[in-house]
Amino acid sequence: MKERLLTNWTFSRVIYLAMGILIIVQAVMAGQFFGIFLGGYLSIMGLFAIGCASGNCFSGNCQVDPQTKGNNMVEDVEFEEIKSK
């Protein structure tokens, strides 16, 4: 848990955390309790690197490696000019 809090900070995690805190402060000032839950959700996503704030799944299960199929070498192509009458 400590490793999750202290490592792999990205720009998106900081934005999620900052926006969550901002929403919580604004919701408390306005007395809107639903906003506190929304801000708390965003703050937790940024703080613990879960969901979209982690870039991909924290455990790496959602990461998809590109597949290589067959021979991807580029071949020279010969073009034939067609003249119209």
N, C-alpha and C. Protein backbone atom coordinates (compact mmCIF):
# COMPACT_ATOMS: atom_id res chain seq x y z
N MET A 1 0.82 -1.19 0.00
CA MET A 1 0.00 0.00 0.00
C MET A 1 0.87 1.25 0.00
N LYS A 2 1.94 1.23 0.79
CA LYS A 2 2.83 2.38 0.85
C LYS A 2 3.49 2.62 -0.51
N GLU A 3 3.83 1.52 -1.21
CA GLU A 3 4.44 1.65 -2.53
C GLU A 3 3.47 2.29 -3.52
N ARG A 4 2.20 1.92 -3.42
CA ARG A 4 1.19 2.47 -4.31
C ARG A 4 1.00 3.96 -4.10
N LEU A 5 1.14 4.42 -2.86
CA LEU A 5 0.98 5.84 -2.56
C LEU A 5 2.18 6.68 -2.99
N LEU A 6 3.37 6.11 -2.91
CA LEU A 6 4.58 6.91 -3.09
C LEU A 6 5.24 6.78 -4.45
N THR A 7 4.86 5.81 -5.28
CA THR A 7 5.54 5.62 -6.55
C THR A 7 4.59 5.78 -7.72
N ASN A 8 5.18 5.90 -8.90
CA ASN A 8 4.46 5.97 -10.19
C ASN A 8 3.48 7.14 -10.27
N TRP A 9 3.88 8.30 -9.77
CA TRP A 9 3.03 9.48 -9.88
C TRP A 9 3.12 10.02 -11.29
N THR A 10 1.98 10.15 -11.94
CA THR A 10 1.91 10.71 -13.28
C THR A 10 1.10 12.00 -13.24
N PHE A 11 1.10 12.68 -14.35
CA PHE A 11 0.35 13.93 -14.46
C PHE A 11 -1.14 13.69 -14.24
N SER A 12 -1.66 12.59 -14.78
CA SER A 12 -3.09 12.32 -14.63
C SER A 12 -3.46 12.02 -13.17
N ARG A 13 -2.59 11.35 -12.43
CA ARG A 13 -2.87 11.09 -11.01
C ARG A 13 -2.93 12.40 -10.23
N VAL A 14 -2.03 13.31 -10.52
CA VAL A 14 -2.03 14.60 -9.83
C VAL A 14 -3.30 15.38 -10.16
N ILE A 15 -3.71 15.34 -11.42
CA ILE A 15 -4.92 16.05 -11.84
C ILE A 15 -6.15 15.46 -11.15
N TYR A 16 -6.24 14.12 -11.10
CA TYR A 16 -7.38 13.49 -10.42
C TYR A 16 -7.42 13.89 -8.95
N LEU A 17 -6.26 13.86 -8.29
CA LEU A 17 -6.22 14.21 -6.88
C LEU A 17 -6.58 15.68 -6.66
N ALA A 18 -6.02 16.56 -7.47
CA ALA A 18 -6.31 17.99 -7.33
C ALA A 18 -7.77 18.31 -7.61
N MET A 19 -8.33 17.71 -8.66
CA MET A 19 -9.73 17.96 -8.99
C MET A 19 -10.65 17.40 -7.90
N GLY A 20 -10.30 16.24 -7.35
CA GLY A 20 -11.10 15.67 -6.28
C GLY A 20 -11.12 16.55 -5.05
N ILE A 21 -9.96 17.06 -4.67
CA ILE A 21 -9.88 17.95 -3.51
C ILE A 21 -10.65 19.24 -3.78
N LEU A 22 -10.51 19.78 -4.98
CA LEU A 22 -11.23 21.00 -5.34
C LEU A 22 -12.75 20.79 -5.29
N ILE A 23 -13.21 19.65 -5.78
CA ILE A 23 -14.65 19.36 -5.76
C ILE A 23 -15.14 19.19 -4.33
N ILE A 24 -14.34 18.54 -3.48
CA ILE A 24 -14.72 18.37 -2.07
C ILE A 24 -14.85 19.73 -1.39
N VAL A 25 -13.87 20.60 -1.59
CA VAL A 25 -13.90 21.93 -0.96
C VAL A 25 -15.11 22.72 -1.44
N GLN A 26 -15.36 22.70 -2.75
CA GLN A 26 -16.51 23.44 -3.29
C GLN A 26 -17.83 22.86 -2.79
N ALA A 27 -17.91 21.53 -2.67
CA ALA A 27 -19.14 20.90 -2.21
C ALA A 27 -19.41 21.21 -0.75
N VAL A 28 -18.36 21.24 0.07
CA VAL A 28 -18.53 21.58 1.49
C VAL A 28 -18.98 23.03 1.62
N MET A 29 -18.39 23.92 0.84
CA MET A 29 -18.77 25.33 0.91
C MET A 29 -20.21 25.55 0.46
N ALA A 30 -20.68 24.74 -0.50
CA ALA A 30 -22.04 24.90 -1.02
C ALA A 30 -23.05 24.02 -0.28
N GLY A 31 -22.56 23.11 0.56
CA GLY A 31 -23.47 22.23 1.30
C GLY A 31 -24.05 21.12 0.45
N GLN A 32 -23.37 20.74 -0.61
CA GLN A 32 -23.83 19.68 -1.50
C GLN A 32 -23.11 18.38 -1.16
N PHE A 33 -23.83 17.45 -0.52
CA PHE A 33 -23.20 16.24 -0.05
C PHE A 33 -22.85 15.28 -1.18
N PHE A 34 -23.61 15.30 -2.26
CA PHE A 34 -23.30 14.44 -3.40
C PHE A 34 -21.93 14.81 -3.98
N GLY A 35 -21.61 16.09 -3.99
CA GLY A 35 -20.32 16.55 -4.48
C GLY A 35 -19.16 16.05 -3.64
N ILE A 36 -19.40 15.87 -2.34
CA ILE A 36 -18.35 15.34 -1.46
C ILE A 36 -18.03 13.91 -1.87
N PHE A 37 -19.05 13.11 -2.18
CA PHE A 37 -18.81 11.73 -2.62
C PHE A 37 -18.09 11.69 -3.97
N LEU A 38 -18.49 12.56 -4.89
CA LEU A 38 -17.84 12.61 -6.19
C LEU A 38 -16.38 13.03 -6.06
N GLY A 39 -16.12 14.05 -5.27
CA GLY A 39 -14.75 14.50 -5.04
C GLY A 39 -13.92 13.45 -4.31
N GLY A 40 -14.55 12.75 -3.37
CA GLY A 40 -13.85 11.68 -2.67
C GLY A 40 -13.47 10.55 -3.60
N TYR A 41 -14.37 10.22 -4.51
CA TYR A 41 -14.08 9.16 -5.49
C TYR A 41 -12.89 9.55 -6.37
N LEU A 42 -12.90 10.76 -6.89
CA LEU A 42 -11.79 11.21 -7.73
C LEU A 42 -10.48 11.29 -6.94
N SER A 43 -10.55 11.75 -5.70
CA SER A 43 -9.35 11.83 -4.86
C SER A 43 -8.76 10.46 -4.59
N ILE A 44 -9.62 9.50 -4.30
CA ILE A 44 -9.15 8.13 -4.04
C ILE A 44 -8.53 7.53 -5.30
N MET A 45 -9.13 7.80 -6.46
CA MET A 45 -8.55 7.30 -7.71
C MET A 45 -7.15 7.85 -7.91
N GLY A 46 -6.96 9.14 -7.67
CA GLY A 46 -5.65 9.74 -7.84
C GLY A 46 -4.65 9.31 -6.78
N LEU A 47 -5.10 9.21 -5.55
CA LEU A 47 -4.20 8.89 -4.44
C LEU A 47 -3.70 7.45 -4.50
N PHE A 48 -4.60 6.52 -4.79
CA PHE A 48 -4.23 5.11 -4.76
C PHE A 48 -3.97 4.51 -6.14
N ALA A 49 -4.02 5.31 -7.20
CA ALA A 49 -3.73 4.86 -8.57
C ALA A 49 -4.64 3.71 -8.97
N ILE A 50 -5.93 3.91 -8.85
CA ILE A 50 -6.88 2.90 -9.30
C ILE A 50 -7.71 3.48 -10.42
N GLY A 51 -8.29 2.64 -11.23
CA GLY A 51 -9.16 3.09 -12.31
C GLY A 51 -8.39 3.83 -13.38
N CYS A 52 -8.99 4.87 -13.89
CA CYS A 52 -8.41 5.63 -14.99
C CYS A 52 -7.16 6.41 -14.58
N ALA A 53 -7.02 6.71 -13.32
CA ALA A 53 -5.90 7.53 -12.86
C ALA A 53 -4.56 6.80 -12.95
N SER A 54 -4.59 5.48 -13.11
CA SER A 54 -3.34 4.74 -13.15
C SER A 54 -2.79 4.60 -14.56
N GLY A 55 -3.50 5.07 -15.55
CA GLY A 55 -3.03 4.93 -16.92
C GLY A 55 -3.49 3.63 -17.52
N ASN A 56 -3.24 2.55 -16.87
CA ASN A 56 -3.85 1.25 -17.15
C ASN A 56 -4.01 0.58 -15.81
N CYS A 57 -4.49 -0.62 -15.78
CA CYS A 57 -4.71 -1.28 -14.49
C CYS A 57 -3.41 -1.37 -13.71
N PHE A 58 -3.46 -1.15 -12.41
CA PHE A 58 -2.27 -1.13 -11.58
C PHE A 58 -1.56 -2.48 -11.61
N SER A 59 -2.32 -3.55 -11.69
CA SER A 59 -1.70 -4.88 -11.69
C SER A 59 -1.14 -5.24 -13.05
N GLY A 60 -1.45 -4.49 -14.09
CA GLY A 60 -0.92 -4.77 -15.42
C GLY A 60 -1.76 -5.74 -16.22
N ASN A 61 -2.91 -6.16 -15.70
CA ASN A 61 -3.74 -7.13 -16.40
C ASN A 61 -4.42 -6.54 -17.62
N CYS A 62 -4.60 -5.24 -17.66
CA CYS A 62 -5.30 -4.63 -18.78
C CYS A 62 -4.37 -4.20 -19.91
N GLN A 63 -3.09 -4.32 -19.69
CA GLN A 63 -2.14 -3.90 -20.70
C GLN A 63 -2.15 -4.91 -21.84
N VAL A 64 -2.30 -4.42 -23.06
CA VAL A 64 -2.35 -5.27 -24.24
C VAL A 64 -1.09 -5.05 -25.04
N ASP A 65 -0.34 -6.12 -25.26
CA ASP A 65 0.87 -6.02 -26.07
C ASP A 65 0.51 -6.15 -27.54
N PRO A 66 1.16 -5.36 -28.39
CA PRO A 66 0.86 -5.46 -29.82
C PRO A 66 1.30 -6.81 -30.36
N GLN A 67 0.48 -7.37 -31.23
CA GLN A 67 0.80 -8.66 -31.82
C GLN A 67 1.48 -8.45 -33.17
N THR A 68 2.44 -9.27 -33.43
CA THR A 68 3.10 -9.22 -34.74
C THR A 68 2.60 -10.41 -35.54
N LYS A 69 2.10 -10.13 -36.71
CA LYS A 69 1.56 -11.18 -37.57
C LYS A 69 2.40 -11.26 -38.84
N GLY A 70 2.91 -12.42 -39.07
CA GLY A 70 3.60 -12.67 -40.33
C GLY A 70 4.83 -11.81 -40.54
N ASN A 71 5.16 -11.64 -41.79
CA ASN A 71 6.34 -10.90 -42.20
C ASN A 71 5.93 -9.45 -42.47
N ASN A 72 6.44 -8.52 -41.71
CA ASN A 72 6.08 -7.11 -41.86
C ASN A 72 7.10 -6.32 -42.67
N MET A 73 7.86 -7.01 -43.51
CA MET A 73 8.88 -6.31 -44.30
C MET A 73 8.22 -5.59 -45.47
N VAL A 74 8.73 -4.43 -45.79
CA VAL A 74 8.21 -3.63 -46.89
C VAL A 74 8.91 -4.09 -48.17
N GLU A 75 8.10 -4.37 -49.19
CA GLU A 75 8.65 -4.80 -50.46
C GLU A 75 8.55 -3.66 -51.47
N ASP A 76 9.47 -3.64 -52.42
CA ASP A 76 9.40 -2.65 -53.49
C ASP A 76 8.25 -2.99 -54.42
N VAL A 77 7.50 -1.98 -54.80
CA VAL A 77 6.36 -2.17 -55.68
C VAL A 77 6.67 -1.50 -56.99
N GLU A 78 6.40 -2.21 -58.08
CA GLU A 78 6.61 -1.64 -59.42
C GLU A 78 5.27 -1.13 -59.92
N PHE A 79 5.28 0.10 -60.42
CA PHE A 79 4.07 0.69 -60.95
C PHE A 79 4.14 0.71 -62.47
N GLU A 80 3.00 0.53 -63.11
CA GLU A 80 2.92 0.58 -64.55
C GLU A 80 2.06 1.79 -64.93
N GLU A 81 2.60 2.61 -65.80
CA GLU A 81 1.88 3.82 -66.20
C GLU A 81 0.88 3.48 -67.26
N ILE A 82 -0.33 3.96 -67.10
CA ILE A 82 -1.41 3.74 -68.06
C ILE A 82 -1.71 5.05 -68.73
N LYS A 83 -1.61 5.05 -70.07
CA LYS A 83 -1.85 6.28 -70.82
C LYS A 83 -3.25 6.22 -71.42
N SER A 84 -3.95 7.34 -71.31
CA SER A 84 -5.29 7.42 -71.88
C SER A 84 -5.20 7.96 -73.29
N LYS A 85 -6.18 7.65 -74.13
CA LYS A 85 -6.17 8.08 -75.54
C LYS A 85 -6.60 9.48 -75.68
